[in-house]
PDB file of N, CA and C in Angstrom:
ATOM      1  N   MET A   1      51.372  18.454   5.066  1.00  0.00           N
ATOM      2  CA  MET A   1      50.050  18.077   4.191  1.00  0.00           C
ATOM      3  C   MET A   1      49.723  16.665   5.008  1.00  0.00           C
ATOM      4  N   ASP A   2      48.367  17.079   4.841  1.00  0.00           N
ATOM      5  CA  ASP A   2      48.175  15.965   5.569  1.00  0.00           C
ATOM      6  C   ASP A   2      48.168  14.080   4.312  1.00  0.00           C
ATOM      7  N   THR A   3      48.736  13.407   5.050  1.00  0.00           N
ATOM      8  CA  THR A   3      48.683  12.367   3.677  1.00  0.00           C
ATOM      9  C   THR A   3      47.010  11.381   3.628  1.00  0.00           C
ATOM     10  N   ILE A   4      46.060  10.923   2.771  1.00  0.00           N
ATOM     11  CA  ILE A   4      45.181  10.140   2.923  1.00  0.00           C
ATOM     12  C   ILE A   4      44.990   9.192   4.324  1.00  0.00           C
ATOM     13  N   LEU A   5      46.266   8.075   5.274  1.00  0.00           N
ATOM     14  CA  LEU A   5      46.158   7.702   5.657  1.00  0.00           C
ATOM     15  C   LEU A   5      45.854   8.227   7.401  1.00  0.00           C
ATOM     16  N   THR A   6      46.690   9.312   7.280  1.00  0.00           N
ATOM     17  CA  THR A   6      46.547  10.315   8.758  1.00  0.00           C
ATOM     18  C   THR A   6      44.893  10.509   8.656  1.00  0.00           C
ATOM     19  N   ILE A   7      44.591  11.369   7.723  1.00  0.00           N
ATOM     20  CA  ILE A   7      43.188  12.190   7.640  1.00  0.00           C
ATOM     21  C   ILE A   7      42.140  10.483   7.966  1.00  0.00           C
ATOM     22  N   LYS A   8      42.664   9.356   7.327  1.00  0.00           N
ATOM     23  CA  LYS A   8      41.150   8.231   7.879  1.00  0.00           C
ATOM     24  C   LYS A   8      41.558   7.439   9.215  1.00  0.00           C
ATOM     25  N   GLN A   9      42.677   7.428   9.671  1.00  0.00           N
ATOM     26  CA  GLN A   9      42.943   7.620  11.126  1.00  0.00           C
ATOM     27  C   GLN A   9      42.486   8.229  11.947  1.00  0.00           C
ATOM     28  N   SER A  10      42.562  10.183  11.249  1.00  0.00           N
ATOM     29  CA  SER A  10      41.648  10.910  11.880  1.00  0.00           C
ATOM     30  C   SER A  10      40.149  10.745  12.190  1.00  0.00           C
ATOM     31  N   LEU A  11      39.979  10.664  11.440  1.00  0.00           N
ATOM     32  CA  LEU A  11      37.968  10.816  11.419  1.00  0.00           C
ATOM     33  C   LEU A  11      37.963   9.269  12.524  1.00  0.00           C
ATOM     34  N   ALA A  12      38.433   8.022  11.891  1.00  0.00           N
ATOM     35  CA  ALA A  12      38.192   7.181  13.048  1.00  0.00           C
ATOM     36  C   ALA A  12      38.599   7.373  14.320  1.00  0.00           C
ATOM     37  N   ASN A  13      39.599   8.185  15.132  1.00  0.00           N
ATOM     38  CA  ASN A  13      39.369   8.536  15.873  1.00  0.00           C
ATOM     39  C   ASN A  13      37.958   9.568  16.094  1.00  0.00           C
ATOM     40  N   ARG A  14      38.279  10.365  15.735  1.00  0.00           N
ATOM     41  CA  ARG A  14      37.377  10.970  15.980  1.00  0.00           C
ATOM     42  C   ARG A  14      35.238  10.198  16.387  1.00  0.00           C
ATOM     43  N   VAL A  15      35.009   9.553  14.699  1.00  0.00           N
ATOM     44  CA  VAL A  15      33.891   8.699  15.431  1.00  0.00           C
ATOM     45  C   VAL A  15      34.232   7.914  16.426  1.00  0.00           C
ATOM     46  N   ARG A  16      35.701   7.228  16.677  1.00  0.00           N
ATOM     47  CA  ARG A  16      35.244   6.411  18.110  1.00  0.00           C
ATOM     48  C   ARG A  16      35.173   7.139  19.087  1.00  0.00           C
ATOM     49  N   LYS A  17      35.721   8.491  19.130  1.00  0.00           N
ATOM     50  CA  LYS A  17      35.447   9.174  20.581  1.00  0.00           C
ATOM     51  C   LYS A  17      34.005   9.638  20.713  1.00  0.00           C
ATOM     52  N   ARG A  18      33.378   9.752  19.438  1.00  0.00           N
ATOM     53  CA  ARG A  18      32.098  10.322  19.707  1.00  0.00           C
ATOM     54  C   ARG A  18      31.117   9.459  19.987  1.00  0.00           C
ATOM     55  N   ARG A  19      31.244   8.469  19.502  1.00  0.00           N
ATOM     56  CA  ARG A  19      30.766   6.797  19.795  1.00  0.00           C
ATOM     57  C   ARG A  19      30.816   6.732  21.457  1.00  0.00           C
ATOM     58  N   LYS A  20      31.888   6.809  21.464  1.00  0.00           N
ATOM     59  CA  LYS A  20      31.773   6.794  23.060  1.00  0.00           C
ATOM     60  C   LYS A  20      31.405   7.884  24.231  1.00  0.00           C
ATOM     61  N   GLU A  21      31.157   8.914  23.840  1.00  0.00           N
ATOM     62  CA  GLU A  21      30.540   9.958  24.221  1.00  0.00           C
ATOM     63  C   GLU A  21      29.381   9.852  24.796  1.00  0.00           C
ATOM     64  N   ILE A  22      28.701   9.516  23.783  1.00  0.00           N
ATOM     65  CA  ILE A  22      27.445   9.334  23.665  1.00  0.00           C
ATOM     66  C   ILE A  22      27.117   7.765  24.049  1.00  0.00           C
ATOM     67  N   LYS A  23      27.723   7.641  24.822  1.00  0.00           N
ATOM     68  CA  LYS A  23      28.028   5.704  25.323  1.00  0.00           C
ATOM     69  C   LYS A  23      27.342   5.080  24.410  1.00  0.00           C
ATOM     70  N   LEU A  24      27.686   4.808  23.462  1.00  0.00           N
ATOM     71  CA  LEU A  24      27.358   3.292  22.641  1.00  0.00           C
ATOM     72  C   LEU A  24      28.477   2.696  22.251  1.00  0.00           C
ATOM     73  N   SER A  25      28.170   0.906  22.397  1.00  0.00           N
ATOM     74  CA  SER A  25      29.270   0.269  21.381  1.00  0.00           C
ATOM     75  C   SER A  25      29.351   0.281  20.449  1.00  0.00           C
ATOM     76  N   GLN A  26      30.527  -0.631  19.986  1.00  0.00           N
ATOM     77  CA  GLN A  26      30.499  -1.239  18.450  1.00  0.00           C
ATOM     78  C   GLN A  26      29.063  -1.266  18.109  1.00  0.00           C
ATOM     79  N   PHE A  27      28.724  -2.462  18.736  1.00  0.00           N
ATOM     80  CA  PHE A  27      27.827  -3.106  18.519  1.00  0.00           C
ATOM     81  C   PHE A  27      26.356  -2.557  18.517  1.00  0.00           C
ATOM     82  N   MET A  28      26.166  -1.940  19.355  1.00  0.00           N
ATOM     83  CA  MET A  28      24.763  -1.305  19.403  1.00  0.00           C
ATOM     84  C   MET A  28      24.737  -0.404  17.863  1.00  0.00           C
ATOM     85  N   LEU A  29      26.370   0.772  17.726  1.00  0.00           N
ATOM     86  CA  LEU A  29      26.181   1.680  16.989  1.00  0.00           C
ATOM     87  C   LEU A  29      25.738   0.515  15.545  1.00  0.00           C
ATOM     88  N   ALA A  30      26.382  -0.723  15.559  1.00  0.00           N
ATOM     89  CA  ALA A  30      25.919  -1.134  14.122  1.00  0.00           C
ATOM     90  C   ALA A  30      24.488  -1.551  14.238  1.00  0.00           C
ATOM     91  N   GLU A  31      24.053  -1.936  15.130  1.00  0.00           N
ATOM     92  CA  GLU A  31      22.684  -1.630  14.907  1.00  0.00           C
ATOM     93  C   GLU A  31      21.529  -0.732  14.801  1.00  0.00           C
ATOM     94  N   LYS A  32      22.134   0.076  15.135  1.00  0.00           N
ATOM     95  CA  LYS A  32      21.341   2.143  15.110  1.00  0.00           C
ATOM     96  C   LYS A  32      21.067   1.521  13.300  1.00  0.00           C
ATOM     97  N   SER A  33      22.845   1.759  12.856  1.00  0.00           N
ATOM     98  CA  SER A  33      23.426   2.206  11.531  1.00  0.00           C
ATOM     99  C   SER A  33      22.834   1.246  10.400  1.00  0.00           C
ATOM    100  N   GLN A  34      23.152  -0.192  11.310  1.00  0.00           N
ATOM    101  CA  GLN A  34      22.833  -1.278  10.064  1.00  0.00           C
ATOM    102  C   GLN A  34      24.371  -1.137   9.212  1.00  0.00           C
ATOM    103  N   VAL A  35      24.877  -1.262   9.597  1.00  0.00           N
ATOM    104  CA  VAL A  35      26.210  -1.477   9.302  1.00  0.00           C
ATOM    105  C   VAL A  35      26.814  -2.621   9.979  1.00  0.00           C
ATOM    106  N   SER A  36      27.045  -3.294   9.427  1.00  0.00           N
ATOM    107  CA  SER A  36      28.171  -4.243  10.154  1.00  0.00           C
ATOM    108  C   SER A  36      29.380  -4.440  11.214  1.00  0.00           C
ATOM    109  N   LEU A  37      29.132  -4.985  11.761  1.00  0.00           N
ATOM    110  CA  LEU A  37      29.450  -4.897  13.319  1.00  0.00           C
ATOM    111  C   LEU A  37      31.514  -5.119  12.776  1.00  0.00           C
ATOM    112  N   GLY A  38      31.546  -5.870  12.115  1.00  0.00           N
ATOM    113  CA  GLY A  38      32.872  -5.821  10.829  1.00  0.00           C
ATOM    114  C   GLY A  38      33.239  -4.536  10.205  1.00  0.00           C
ATOM    115  N   SER A  39      32.355  -3.972   9.692  1.00  0.00           N
ATOM    116  CA  SER A  39      33.106  -2.904   9.288  1.00  0.00           C
ATOM    117  C   SER A  39      33.259  -1.998  10.129  1.00  0.00           C
ATOM    118  N   ILE A  40      32.555  -1.599  11.144  1.00  0.00           N
ATOM    119  CA  ILE A  40      32.346  -1.025  12.745  1.00  0.00           C
ATOM    120  C   ILE A  40      34.042  -0.698  12.686  1.00  0.00           C
ATOM    121  N   LYS A  41      34.387  -2.426  13.225  1.00  0.00           N
ATOM    122  CA  LYS A  41      35.474  -2.587  14.131  1.00  0.00           C
ATOM    123  C   LYS A  41      37.130  -2.436  12.758  1.00  0.00           C
ATOM    124  N   ARG A  42      36.772  -2.692  11.652  1.00  0.00           N
ATOM    125  CA  ARG A  42      37.270  -2.231  11.143  1.00  0.00           C
ATOM    126  C   ARG A  42      37.746  -1.010  10.304  1.00  0.00           C
ATOM    127  N   PHE A  43      36.800  -0.112  10.755  1.00  0.00           N
ATOM    128  CA  PHE A  43      36.656   1.246   9.921  1.00  0.00           C
ATOM    129  C   PHE A  43      37.305   1.503  11.385  1.00  0.00           C
ATOM    130  N   GLU A  44      37.485   1.316  12.600  1.00  0.00           N
ATOM    131  CA  GLU A  44      37.581   2.287  13.937  1.00  0.00           C
ATOM    132  C   GLU A  44      39.233   1.866  13.861  1.00  0.00           C
ATOM    133  N   ARG A  45      39.764   0.238  13.260  1.00  0.00           N
ATOM    134  CA  ARG A  45      41.315   0.250  13.611  1.00  0.00           C
ATOM    135  C   ARG A  45      41.860   0.962  12.432  1.00  0.00           C
ATOM    136  N   SER A  46      41.327   0.944  11.333  1.00  0.00           N
ATOM    137  CA  SER A  46      42.226   0.985   9.617  1.00  0.00           C
ATOM    138  C   SER A  46      42.039   3.039   9.067  1.00  0.00           C
ATOM    139  N   GLY A  47      40.776   3.044   9.747  1.00  0.00           N
ATOM    140  CA  GLY A  47      40.200   3.885   8.678  1.00  0.00           C
ATOM    141  C   GLY A  47      39.123   3.859   7.306  1.00  0.00           C
ATOM    142  N   GLU A  48      39.459   2.363   7.414  1.00  0.00           N
ATOM    143  CA  GLU A  48      38.418   1.710   5.936  1.00  0.00           C
ATOM    144  C   GLU A  48      37.179   1.729   6.144  1.00  0.00           C
ATOM    145  N   ILE A  49      36.134   2.138   5.168  1.00  0.00           N
ATOM    146  CA  ILE A  49      34.704   1.741   5.321  1.00  0.00           C
ATOM    147  C   ILE A  49      34.134   2.308   3.788  1.00  0.00           C
ATOM    148  N   SER A  50      32.905   2.357   3.494  1.00  0.00           N
ATOM    149  CA  SER A  50      32.292   2.602   2.671  1.00  0.00           C
ATOM    150  C   SER A  50      31.815   3.965   2.325  1.00  0.00           C
ATOM    151  N   LEU A  51      31.433   4.516   1.096  1.00  0.00           N
ATOM    152  CA  LEU A  51      31.157   5.686   1.965  1.00  0.00           C
ATOM    153  C   LEU A  51      29.682   5.776   2.230  1.00  0.00           C
ATOM    154  N   SER A  52      28.631   4.786   1.726  1.00  0.00           N
ATOM    155  CA  SER A  52      27.485   4.848   2.241  1.00  0.00           C
ATOM    156  C   SER A  52      27.341   4.281   3.745  1.00  0.00           C
ATOM    157  N   SER A  53      28.091   3.496   4.388  1.00  0.00           N
ATOM    158  CA  SER A  53      27.946   3.060   5.172  1.00  0.00           C
ATOM    159  C   SER A  53      28.896   4.285   6.846  1.00  0.00           C
ATOM    160  N   LEU A  54      29.788   5.093   6.114  1.00  0.00           N
ATOM    161  CA  LEU A  54      30.020   6.020   6.514  1.00  0.00           C
ATOM    162  C   LEU A  54      29.281   6.658   6.969  1.00  0.00           C
ATOM    163  N   LEU A  55      28.044   7.312   5.689  1.00  0.00           N
ATOM    164  CA  LEU A  55      27.012   8.150   5.598  1.00  0.00           C
ATOM    165  C   LEU A  55      25.588   7.476   7.125  1.00  0.00           C
ATOM    166  N   ARG A  56      26.117   6.315   7.013  1.00  0.00           N
ATOM    167  CA  ARG A  56      24.707   5.635   7.925  1.00  0.00           C
ATOM    168  C   ARG A  56      25.377   5.817   9.397  1.00  0.00           C
ATOM    169  N   ILE A  57      26.550   6.021   9.710  1.00  0.00           N
ATOM    170  CA  ILE A  57      26.940   6.134  11.087  1.00  0.00           C
ATOM    171  C   ILE A  57      26.766   7.243  11.276  1.00  0.00           C
ATOM    172  N   ALA A  58      27.460   8.538  10.450  1.00  0.00           N
ATOM    173  CA  ALA A  58      27.147  10.246  10.642  1.00  0.00           C
ATOM    174  C   ALA A  58      25.801  10.376  11.235  1.00  0.00           C
ATOM    175  N   VAL A  59      25.011   9.240  10.599  1.00  0.00           N
ATOM    176  CA  VAL A  59      23.157  10.062  10.969  1.00  0.00           C
ATOM    177  C   VAL A  59      23.481  10.080  12.460  1.00  0.00           C
ATOM    178  N   ILE A  60      24.030   8.623  12.677  1.00  0.00           N
ATOM    179  CA  ILE A  60      23.697   7.879  14.479  1.00  0.00           C
ATOM    180  C   ILE A  60      24.215   8.706  14.925  1.00  0.00           C
ATOM    181  N   LEU A  61      25.369   9.449  15.052  1.00  0.00           N
ATOM    182  CA  LEU A  61      26.091  10.022  15.630  1.00  0.00           C
ATOM    183  C   LEU A  61      26.029  11.629  15.348  1.00  0.00           C
ATOM    184  N   GLY A  62      25.243  12.260  14.523  1.00  0.00           N
ATOM    185  CA  GLY A  62      24.523  13.558  14.892  1.00  0.00           C
ATOM    186  C   GLY A  62      25.023  14.504  13.164  1.00  0.00           C
ATOM    187  N   TYR A  63      26.273  13.837  12.528  1.00  0.00           N
ATOM    188  CA  TYR A  63      27.115  14.404  12.217  1.00  0.00           C
ATOM    189  C   TYR A  63      27.012  14.597  10.939  1.00  0.00           C
ATOM    190  N   GLU A  64      25.360  13.901  10.479  1.00  0.00           N
ATOM    191  CA  GLU A  64      25.287  13.890   8.806  1.00  0.00           C
ATOM    192  C   GLU A  64      25.182  15.393   8.055  1.00  0.00           C
ATOM    193  N   ALA A  65      24.989  16.169   8.908  1.00  0.00           N
ATOM    194  CA  ALA A  65      24.969  17.825   8.050  1.00  0.00           C
ATOM    195  C   ALA A  65      26.673  17.574   7.266  1.00  0.00           C
ATOM    196  N   ASP A  66      27.258  17.371   8.114  1.00  0.00           N
ATOM    197  CA  ASP A  66      29.283  17.880   8.376  1.00  0.00           C
ATOM    198  C   ASP A  66      29.386  17.269   6.531  1.00  0.00           C
ATOM    199  N   PHE A  67      28.673  16.629   5.884  1.00  0.00           N
ATOM    200  CA  PHE A  67      28.882  15.650   4.350  1.00  0.00           C
ATOM    201  C   PHE A  67      28.032  16.916   3.580  1.00  0.00           C
ATOM    202  N   ASN A  68      27.365  17.427   3.624  1.00  0.00           N
ATOM    203  CA  ASN A  68      26.666  18.834   2.967  1.00  0.00           C
ATOM    204  C   ASN A  68      28.329  20.004   2.981  1.00  0.00           C
ATOM    205  N   GLN A  69      28.524  19.970   3.462  1.00  0.00           N
ATOM    206  CA  GLN A  69      30.102  21.073   3.586  1.00  0.00           C
ATOM    207  C   GLN A  69      31.386  20.369   2.778  1.00  0.00           C
ATOM    208  N   LEU A  70      31.115  19.342   2.275  1.00  0.00           N
ATOM    209  CA  LEU A  70      32.209  18.536   0.977  1.00  0.00           C
ATOM    210  C   LEU A  70      31.928  19.061   0.474  1.00  0.00           C
ATOM    211  N   PHE A  71      33.354  19.803   0.091  1.00  0.00           N
ATOM    212  CA  PHE A  71      33.987  20.405  -1.898  1.00  0.00           C
ATOM    213  C   PHE A  71      32.772  21.529  -1.359  1.00  0.00           C
ATOM    214  N   VAL A  72      31.991  22.129  -0.726  1.00  0.00           N
ATOM    215  CA  VAL A  72      31.262  23.596  -1.619  1.00  0.00           C
ATOM    216  C   VAL A  72      32.366  24.870  -1.068  1.00  0.00           C
ATOM    217  N   ARG A  73      33.612  24.772  -0.236  1.00  0.00           N
ATOM    218  CA  ARG A  73      33.851  26.044  -0.521  1.00  0.00           C
ATOM    219  C   ARG A  73      35.004  25.989  -1.607  1.00  0.00           C
ATOM    220  N   LYS A  74      35.321  27.581  -1.789  1.00  0.00           N
ATOM    221  CA  LYS A  74      35.884  28.135  -3.136  1.00  0.00           C
ATOM    222  C   LYS A  74      37.468  27.518  -3.166  1.00  0.00           C
ATOM    223  N   ASN A  75      37.905  27.686  -3.729  1.00  0.00           N
ATOM    224  CA  ASN A  75      39.237  28.106  -3.931  1.00  0.00           C
ATOM    225  C   ASN A  75      39.625  28.916  -4.577  1.00  0.00           C
ATOM    226  N   TYR A  76      40.711  29.906  -3.668  1.00  0.00           N
ATOM    227  CA  TYR A  76      40.705  31.553  -4.659  1.00  0.00           C
ATOM    228  C   TYR A  76      41.608  31.234  -5.296  1.00  0.00           C
ATOM    229  N   GLN A  77      42.285  31.876  -6.110  1.00  0.00           N
ATOM    230  CA  GLN A  77      43.597  31.850  -6.612  1.00  0.00           C
ATOM    231  C   GLN A  77      44.388  33.221  -6.700  1.00  0.00           C
ATOM    232  N   ASN A  78      43.226  33.855  -6.093  1.00  0.00           N
ATOM    233  CA  ASN A  78      44.387  35.271  -5.882  1.00  0.00           C
ATOM    234  C   ASN A  78      44.039  35.972  -4.390  1.00  0.00           C
ATOM    235  N   LEU A  79      44.511  37.287  -4.276  1.00  0.00           N
ATOM    236  CA  LEU A  79      44.263  37.922  -3.231  1.00  0.00           C
ATOM    237  C   LEU A  79      42.605  38.928  -3.718  1.00  0.00           C
ATOM    238  N   ASP A  80      42.833  39.029  -4.927  1.00  0.00           N
ATOM    239  CA  ASP A  80      41.783  39.565  -5.862  1.00  0.00           C
ATOM    240  C   ASP A  80      40.205  39.511  -5.907  1.00  0.00           C
ATOM    241  N   GLU A  81      39.716  37.700  -6.013  1.00  0.00           N
ATOM    242  CA  GLU A  81      39.210  36.594  -5.683  1.00  0.00           C
ATOM    243  C   GLU A  81      38.747  36.970  -4.694  1.00  0.00           C
ATOM    244  N   ILE A  82      39.427  36.682  -3.460  1.00  0.00           N
ATOM    245  CA  ILE A  82      38.490  36.428  -2.126  1.00  0.00           C
ATOM    246  C   ILE A  82      38.242  38.399  -1.891  1.00  0.00           C
ATOM    247  N   ILE A  83      38.748  39.348  -2.071  1.00  0.00           N
ATOM    248  CA  ILE A  83      38.385  40.863  -2.034  1.00  0.00           C
ATOM    249  C   ILE A  83      37.162  41.092  -2.519  1.00  0.00           C
ATOM    250  N   ASN A  84      37.240  40.544  -4.089  1.00  0.00           N
ATOM    251  CA  ASN A  84      35.734  40.685  -4.439  1.00  0.00           C
ATOM    252  C   ASN A  84      34.426  39.779  -4.119  1.00  0.00           C
ATOM    253  N   ALA A  85      34.943  38.488  -4.092  1.00  0.00           N
ATOM    254  CA  ALA A  85      33.833  38.068  -3.392  1.00  0.00           C
ATOM    255  C   ALA A  85      33.029  38.149  -2.673  1.00  0.00           C
ATOM    256  N   LYS A  86      33.820  39.386  -1.499  1.00  0.00           N
ATOM    257  CA  LYS A  86      32.879  39.738  -0.253  1.00  0.00           C
ATOM    258  C   LYS A  86      32.298  40.906  -0.910  1.00  0.00           C
TER     259      LYS A  86
END
């Protein structure tokens, strides 16, 4: 099972990779997202960021729809629930 730290680091790495894929510097991402440059640097280094700032970054990188999928998956208690859901 992943820890909070590994999840944050993995997310920060994916954001950094996407930012570089679309050829945005940290400075340009900060300007476009209206998130401070320091916050972006800290996020890419440590994974620490506010939810509002992360959402702003996601919009600029084209991943805002991913947030709509958080916490929507049903956790089934047994096989019968899975079968009956279909």
